[in-house]
Amino acid sequence: MRIFKSVNGQTLTSQVQYEKLKTLYNFDADNIEIIPPGVDIHRYRPLHEGEKTPETNTPEKYIFCLSRIDTNKGHDLLLNAFALIKDEIPDVHLVIGGGSPNPKPRELGVFAKMDEIIAKNNMENQVHKIGYVPDELMAPLYQKSMLFVLPSLFEPFGMTTQEAMACGKAVVASKFGGIRNVI
């Protein structure tokens, strides 16, 4: 707690981060500025009609989720929700991206749990886990999607929601954390 009061100033990306720090450390500092991160609007933008993008190897119609692969990102909630509607929208796929180029055991455990839910609900042909997404494919994946979903159980800011909206996509997200400030 002393460190928060001993510096001249500090920044956080959202009011939610401030509230969380205040709760965790029981302090109220007046040297904190909330400065949300920006997004590159030349990169993250809607596609122009007829504009070509890099190949993403995705289905024609898909709902997109991009996040770290972690239990608090709500992938299980997303997959269980998709299982409820998949038969009503058989031509729509779910594409889940994110994770490390070299996944660690924790990520692999989340992927395994996702695989269980996918298999249990017979969604192998409609759900595509694409793993790590290189920077040059992030914008095209948002741009080609029908909508973006982020079911996080806690999110300090929600950068991916901001990127998706900059690409002109509707966002379906949980109300937890900083996402509500972005949307």
C-alpha atoms as a PDB file:
ATOM      1  CA  MET A   1       0.000   0.000   0.000  1.00  0.00           C
ATOM      2  CA  ARG A   2       2.854   2.415   0.740  1.00  0.00           C
ATOM      3  CA  ILE A   3       4.063   2.184  -2.804  1.00  0.00           C
ATOM      4  CA  PHE A   4       0.775   3.608  -4.111  1.00  0.00           C
ATOM      5  CA  LYS A   5       1.174   6.686  -1.932  1.00  0.00           C
ATOM      6  CA  SER A   6       4.922   7.114  -2.387  1.00  0.00           C
ATOM      7  CA  VAL A   7       4.935   7.645  -6.160  1.00  0.00           C
ATOM      8  CA  ASN A   8       4.085  10.930  -7.843  1.00  0.00           C
ATOM      9  CA  GLY A   9       1.542   9.377 -10.140  1.00  0.00           C
ATOM     10  CA  GLN A  10       0.304   6.152 -11.633  1.00  0.00           C
ATOM     11  CA  THR A  11      -2.055   5.075 -14.365  1.00  0.00           C
ATOM     12  CA  LEU A  12      -4.671   2.375 -14.636  1.00  0.00           C
ATOM     13  CA  THR A  13      -6.692   1.371 -17.685  1.00  0.00           C
ATOM     14  CA  SER A  14     -10.139   1.355 -16.067  1.00  0.00           C
ATOM     15  CA  GLN A  15     -12.239   2.367 -13.097  1.00  0.00           C
ATOM     16  CA  VAL A  16     -12.654  -1.343 -12.406  1.00  0.00           C
ATOM     17  CA  GLN A  17      -8.899  -1.718 -11.872  1.00  0.00           C
ATOM     18  CA  TYR A  18      -8.981   1.201  -9.441  1.00  0.00           C
ATOM     19  CA  GLU A  19     -11.911  -0.294  -7.514  1.00  0.00           C
ATOM     20  CA  LYS A  20     -10.161  -3.678  -7.369  1.00  0.00           C
ATOM     21  CA  LEU A  21      -6.932  -2.148  -6.014  1.00  0.00           C
ATOM     22  CA  LYS A  22      -8.902  -0.074  -3.528  1.00  0.00           C
ATOM     23  CA  THR A  23     -10.673  -3.208  -2.270  1.00  0.00           C
ATOM     24  CA  LEU A  24      -7.555  -5.387  -2.180  1.00  0.00           C
ATOM     25  CA  TYR A  25      -5.277  -2.861  -0.496  1.00  0.00           C
ATOM     26  CA  ASN A  26      -7.801  -0.709   1.375  1.00  0.00           C
ATOM     27  CA  PHE A  27      -6.533   2.620   0.122  1.00  0.00           C
ATOM     28  CA  ASP A  28      -7.785   5.678  -1.694  1.00  0.00           C
ATOM     29  CA  ALA A  29      -5.018   7.383  -3.640  1.00  0.00           C
ATOM     30  CA  ASP A  30      -5.450  10.714  -5.355  1.00  0.00           C
ATOM     31  CA  ASN A  31      -2.379  10.245  -7.554  1.00  0.00           C
ATOM     32  CA  ILE A  32      -4.037   7.774  -9.923  1.00  0.00           C
ATOM     33  CA  GLU A  33      -5.148   8.647 -13.438  1.00  0.00           C
ATOM     34  CA  ILE A  34      -7.390   6.343 -15.423  1.00  0.00           C
ATOM     35  CA  ILE A  35      -6.247   6.330 -19.043  1.00  0.00           C
ATOM     36  CA  PRO A  36      -7.873   3.679 -21.230  1.00  0.00           C
ATOM     37  CA  PRO A  37      -5.626   2.255 -23.950  1.00  0.00           C
ATOM     38  CA  GLY A  38      -6.350   3.221 -27.509  1.00  0.00           C
ATOM     39  CA  VAL A  39      -6.652   1.108 -30.603  1.00  0.00           C
ATOM     40  CA  ASP A  40      -4.975   1.617 -33.976  1.00  0.00           C
ATOM     41  CA  ILE A  41      -7.946   2.692 -36.118  1.00  0.00           C
ATOM     42  CA  HIS A  42      -5.939   2.289 -39.315  1.00  0.00           C
ATOM     43  CA  ARG A  43      -5.464  -1.388 -38.531  1.00  0.00           C
ATOM     44  CA  TYR A  44      -8.664  -2.191 -36.631  1.00  0.00           C
ATOM     45  CA  ARG A  45     -11.423  -0.852 -38.865  1.00  0.00           C
ATOM     46  CA  PRO A  46     -14.353  -2.163 -40.887  1.00  0.00           C
ATOM     47  CA  LEU A  47     -13.507  -3.666 -44.264  1.00  0.00           C
ATOM     48  CA  HIS A  48     -14.242  -1.600 -47.342  1.00  0.00           C
ATOM     49  CA  GLU A  49     -16.456  -3.297 -49.918  1.00  0.00           C
ATOM     50  CA  GLY A  50     -14.384  -5.647 -52.055  1.00  0.00           C
ATOM     51  CA  GLU A  51     -11.293  -5.192 -49.885  1.00  0.00           C
ATOM     52  CA  LYS A  52      -9.008  -8.223 -49.720  1.00  0.00           C
ATOM     53  CA  THR A  53      -7.525  -9.433 -46.448  1.00  0.00           C
ATOM     54  CA  PRO A  54      -4.959 -12.098 -45.591  1.00  0.00           C
ATOM     55  CA  GLU A  55      -6.299 -15.655 -45.658  1.00  0.00           C
ATOM     56  CA  THR A  56      -7.578 -16.697 -42.240  1.00  0.00           C
ATOM     57  CA  ASN A  57      -8.738 -20.255 -43.032  1.00  0.00           C
ATOM     58  CA  THR A  58     -12.010 -19.623 -41.234  1.00  0.00           C
ATOM     59  CA  PRO A  59     -15.564 -20.652 -42.151  1.00  0.00           C
ATOM     60  CA  GLU A  60     -17.669 -18.172 -44.100  1.00  0.00           C
ATOM     61  CA  LYS A  61     -19.999 -17.429 -41.161  1.00  0.00           C
ATOM     62  CA  TYR A  62     -18.524 -17.409 -37.698  1.00  0.00           C
ATOM     63  CA  ILE A  63     -18.729 -15.946 -34.230  1.00  0.00           C
ATOM     64  CA  PHE A  64     -15.284 -14.987 -32.965  1.00  0.00           C
ATOM     65  CA  CYS A  65     -13.723 -15.095 -29.504  1.00  0.00           C
ATOM     66  CA  LEU A  66     -10.134 -13.988 -28.927  1.00  0.00           C
ATOM     67  CA  SER A  67      -8.506 -13.994 -25.508  1.00  0.00           C
ATOM     68  CA  ARG A  68      -5.851 -15.533 -23.345  1.00  0.00           C
ATOM     69  CA  ILE A  69      -6.544 -19.181 -22.684  1.00  0.00           C
ATOM     70  CA  ASP A  70      -7.340 -19.149 -18.984  1.00  0.00           C
ATOM     71  CA  THR A  71     -10.125 -20.421 -16.736  1.00  0.00           C
ATOM     72  CA  ASN A  72     -11.328 -16.887 -15.953  1.00  0.00           C
ATOM     73  CA  LYS A  73     -11.976 -16.153 -19.649  1.00  0.00           C
ATOM     74  CA  GLY A  74     -15.228 -18.147 -19.604  1.00  0.00           C
ATOM     75  CA  HIS A  75     -14.583 -20.414 -22.588  1.00  0.00           C
ATOM     76  CA  ASP A  76     -16.634 -23.116 -20.867  1.00  0.00           C
ATOM     77  CA  LEU A  77     -19.590 -20.713 -20.604  1.00  0.00           C
ATOM     78  CA  LEU A  78     -19.241 -19.784 -24.270  1.00  0.00           C
ATOM     79  CA  LEU A  79     -19.097 -23.392 -25.430  1.00  0.00           C
ATOM     80  CA  ASN A  80     -22.073 -24.418 -23.296  1.00  0.00           C
ATOM     81  CA  ALA A  81     -24.066 -21.428 -24.596  1.00  0.00           C
ATOM     82  CA  PHE A  82     -23.126 -22.253 -28.189  1.00  0.00           C
ATOM     83  CA  ALA A  83     -24.266 -25.851 -27.605  1.00  0.00           C
ATOM     84  CA  LEU A  84     -27.741 -24.504 -26.790  1.00  0.00           C
ATOM     85  CA  ILE A  85     -28.086 -22.641 -30.099  1.00  0.00           C
ATOM     86  CA  LYS A  86     -25.887 -24.578 -32.555  1.00  0.00           C
ATOM     87  CA  ASP A  87     -28.772 -26.549 -34.067  1.00  0.00           C
ATOM     88  CA  GLU A  88     -30.734 -23.356 -34.720  1.00  0.00           C
ATOM     89  CA  ILE A  89     -27.794 -21.860 -36.644  1.00  0.00           C
ATOM     90  CA  PRO A  90     -26.153 -24.891 -38.297  1.00  0.00           C
ATOM     91  CA  ASP A  91     -24.262 -22.818 -40.874  1.00  0.00           C
ATOM     92  CA  VAL A  92     -22.644 -20.600 -38.211  1.00  0.00           C
ATOM     93  CA  HIS A  93     -19.381 -21.672 -36.616  1.00  0.00           C
ATOM     94  CA  LEU A  94     -17.577 -20.610 -33.453  1.00  0.00           C
ATOM     95  CA  VAL A  95     -13.910 -19.684 -33.842  1.00  0.00           C
ATOM     96  CA  ILE A  96     -11.892 -19.422 -30.628  1.00  0.00           C
ATOM     97  CA  GLY A  97      -8.457 -17.864 -30.901  1.00  0.00           C
ATOM     98  CA  GLY A  98      -5.798 -17.067 -28.385  1.00  0.00           C
ATOM     99  CA  GLY A  99      -3.129 -18.542 -26.254  1.00  0.00           C
ATOM    100  CA  SER A 100       0.625 -18.723 -26.383  1.00  0.00           C
ATOM    101  CA  PRO A 101       2.683 -19.864 -29.358  1.00  0.00           C
ATOM    102  CA  ASN A 102       4.028 -22.571 -27.012  1.00  0.00           C
ATOM    103  CA  PRO A 103       1.195 -23.359 -24.569  1.00  0.00           C
ATOM    104  CA  LYS A 104       2.104 -24.142 -20.976  1.00  0.00           C
ATOM    105  CA  PRO A 105       0.359 -26.875 -18.910  1.00  0.00           C
ATOM    106  CA  ARG A 106      -2.270 -24.456 -17.573  1.00  0.00           C
ATOM    107  CA  GLU A 107      -3.338 -23.465 -21.099  1.00  0.00           C
ATOM    108  CA  LEU A 108      -3.259 -27.078 -22.233  1.00  0.00           C
ATOM    109  CA  GLY A 109      -5.597 -27.917 -19.353  1.00  0.00           C
ATOM    110  CA  VAL A 110      -8.084 -25.263 -20.485  1.00  0.00           C
ATOM    111  CA  PHE A 111      -7.858 -26.539 -24.074  1.00  0.00           C
ATOM    112  CA  ALA A 112      -8.528 -30.085 -22.798  1.00  0.00           C
ATOM    113  CA  LYS A 113     -11.608 -28.887 -20.884  1.00  0.00           C
ATOM    114  CA  MET A 114     -12.803 -27.112 -24.036  1.00  0.00           C
ATOM    115  CA  ASP A 115     -12.317 -30.331 -26.030  1.00  0.00           C
ATOM    116  CA  GLU A 116     -14.448 -32.231 -23.486  1.00  0.00           C
ATOM    117  CA  ILE A 117     -17.319 -29.753 -23.838  1.00  0.00           C
ATOM    118  CA  ILE A 118     -17.026 -29.747 -27.632  1.00  0.00           C
ATOM    119  CA  ALA A 119     -17.107 -33.569 -27.785  1.00  0.00           C
ATOM    120  CA  LYS A 120     -19.919 -33.893 -25.235  1.00  0.00           C
ATOM    121  CA  ASN A 121     -22.087 -31.595 -27.363  1.00  0.00           C
ATOM    122  CA  ASN A 122     -21.075 -32.992 -30.771  1.00  0.00           C
ATOM    123  CA  MET A 123     -19.694 -29.639 -31.920  1.00  0.00           C
ATOM    124  CA  GLU A 124     -16.475 -30.851 -33.557  1.00  0.00           C
ATOM    125  CA  ASN A 125     -17.645 -29.583 -36.963  1.00  0.00           C
ATOM    126  CA  GLN A 126     -18.857 -26.191 -35.733  1.00  0.00           C
ATOM    127  CA  VAL A 127     -16.207 -25.143 -33.196  1.00  0.00           C
ATOM    128  CA  HIS A 128     -12.682 -24.293 -34.313  1.00  0.00           C
ATOM    129  CA  LYS A 129      -9.905 -23.666 -31.800  1.00  0.00           C
ATOM    130  CA  ILE A 130      -7.202 -21.866 -33.762  1.00  0.00           C
ATOM    131  CA  GLY A 131      -4.803 -21.199 -30.884  1.00  0.00           C
ATOM    132  CA  TYR A 132      -2.213 -18.453 -31.031  1.00  0.00           C
ATOM    133  CA  VAL A 133      -3.120 -15.645 -33.435  1.00  0.00           C
ATOM    134  CA  PRO A 134      -0.223 -13.681 -34.950  1.00  0.00           C
ATOM    135  CA  ASP A 135      -0.637  -9.899 -35.012  1.00  0.00           C
ATOM    136  CA  GLU A 136      -1.101  -9.742 -38.775  1.00  0.00           C
ATOM    137  CA  LEU A 137      -4.216 -11.974 -38.573  1.00  0.00           C
ATOM    138  CA  MET A 138      -5.952 -10.326 -35.632  1.00  0.00           C
ATOM    139  CA  ALA A 139      -7.725  -7.554 -37.562  1.00  0.00           C
ATOM    140  CA  PRO A 140      -8.754  -9.830 -40.468  1.00  0.00           C
ATOM    141  CA  LEU A 141     -10.234 -12.365 -38.032  1.00  0.00           C
ATOM    142  CA  TYR A 142     -12.352  -9.658 -36.394  1.00  0.00           C
ATOM    143  CA  GLN A 143     -13.291  -8.135 -39.757  1.00  0.00           C
ATOM    144  CA  LYS A 144     -14.490 -11.403 -41.315  1.00  0.00           C
ATOM    145  CA  SER A 145     -16.514 -12.485 -38.277  1.00  0.00           C
ATOM    146  CA  MET A 146     -20.245 -11.971 -37.824  1.00  0.00           C
ATOM    147  CA  LEU A 147     -19.852 -10.820 -34.226  1.00  0.00           C
ATOM    148  CA  PHE A 148     -17.418 -10.977 -31.334  1.00  0.00           C
ATOM    149  CA  VAL A 149     -17.954 -12.690 -27.972  1.00  0.00           C
ATOM    150  CA  LEU A 150     -15.964 -12.278 -24.747  1.00  0.00           C
ATOM    151  CA  PRO A 151     -17.476 -14.217 -21.813  1.00  0.00           C
ATOM    152  CA  SER A 152     -14.788 -13.327 -19.235  1.00  0.00           C
ATOM    153  CA  LEU A 153     -15.477 -13.793 -15.552  1.00  0.00           C
ATOM    154  CA  PHE A 154     -13.206 -10.810 -14.886  1.00  0.00           C
ATOM    155  CA  GLU A 155     -11.558  -8.456 -17.331  1.00  0.00           C
ATOM    156  CA  PRO A 156      -9.575  -5.392 -16.205  1.00  0.00           C
ATOM    157  CA  PHE A 157     -10.266  -3.566 -19.470  1.00  0.00           C
ATOM    158  CA  GLY A 158     -11.336  -5.680 -22.434  1.00  0.00           C
ATOM    159  CA  MET A 159      -8.941  -4.708 -25.214  1.00  0.00           C
ATOM    160  CA  THR A 160     -10.297  -7.343 -27.587  1.00  0.00           C
ATOM    161  CA  THR A 161     -13.805  -5.899 -27.286  1.00  0.00           C
ATOM    162  CA  GLN A 162     -12.429  -2.488 -28.221  1.00  0.00           C
ATOM    163  CA  GLU A 163     -10.586  -3.949 -31.221  1.00  0.00           C
ATOM    164  CA  ALA A 164     -13.704  -5.815 -32.399  1.00  0.00           C
ATOM    165  CA  MET A 165     -15.854  -2.695 -32.129  1.00  0.00           C
ATOM    166  CA  ALA A 166     -13.247  -0.686 -34.052  1.00  0.00           C
ATOM    167  CA  CYS A 167     -13.680  -3.295 -36.814  1.00  0.00           C
ATOM    168  CA  GLY A 168     -17.414  -2.554 -36.804  1.00  0.00           C
ATOM    169  CA  LYS A 169     -18.467  -5.755 -35.065  1.00  0.00           C
ATOM    170  CA  ALA A 170     -21.251  -6.167 -32.552  1.00  0.00           C
ATOM    171  CA  VAL A 171     -19.944  -7.435 -29.219  1.00  0.00           C
ATOM    172  CA  VAL A 172     -21.584  -9.854 -26.821  1.00  0.00           C
ATOM    173  CA  ALA A 173     -19.722  -9.810 -23.517  1.00  0.00           C
ATOM    174  CA  SER A 174     -20.100 -10.476 -19.842  1.00  0.00           C
ATOM    175  CA  LYS A 175     -20.793  -7.546 -17.558  1.00  0.00           C
ATOM    176  CA  PHE A 176     -17.798  -8.261 -15.358  1.00  0.00           C
ATOM    177  CA  GLY A 177     -14.844  -5.973 -14.960  1.00  0.00           C
ATOM    178  CA  GLY A 178     -13.801  -3.255 -17.354  1.00  0.00           C
ATOM    179  CA  ILE A 179     -15.713  -4.600 -20.338  1.00  0.00           C
ATOM    180  CA  ARG A 180     -18.759  -2.587 -19.298  1.00  0.00           C
ATOM    181  CA  ASN A 181     -16.682   0.608 -19.567  1.00  0.00           C
ATOM    182  CA  VAL A 182     -15.556  -0.274 -23.089  1.00  0.00           C
ATOM    183  CA  ILE A 183     -18.989  -1.182 -24.432  1.00  0.00           C
END
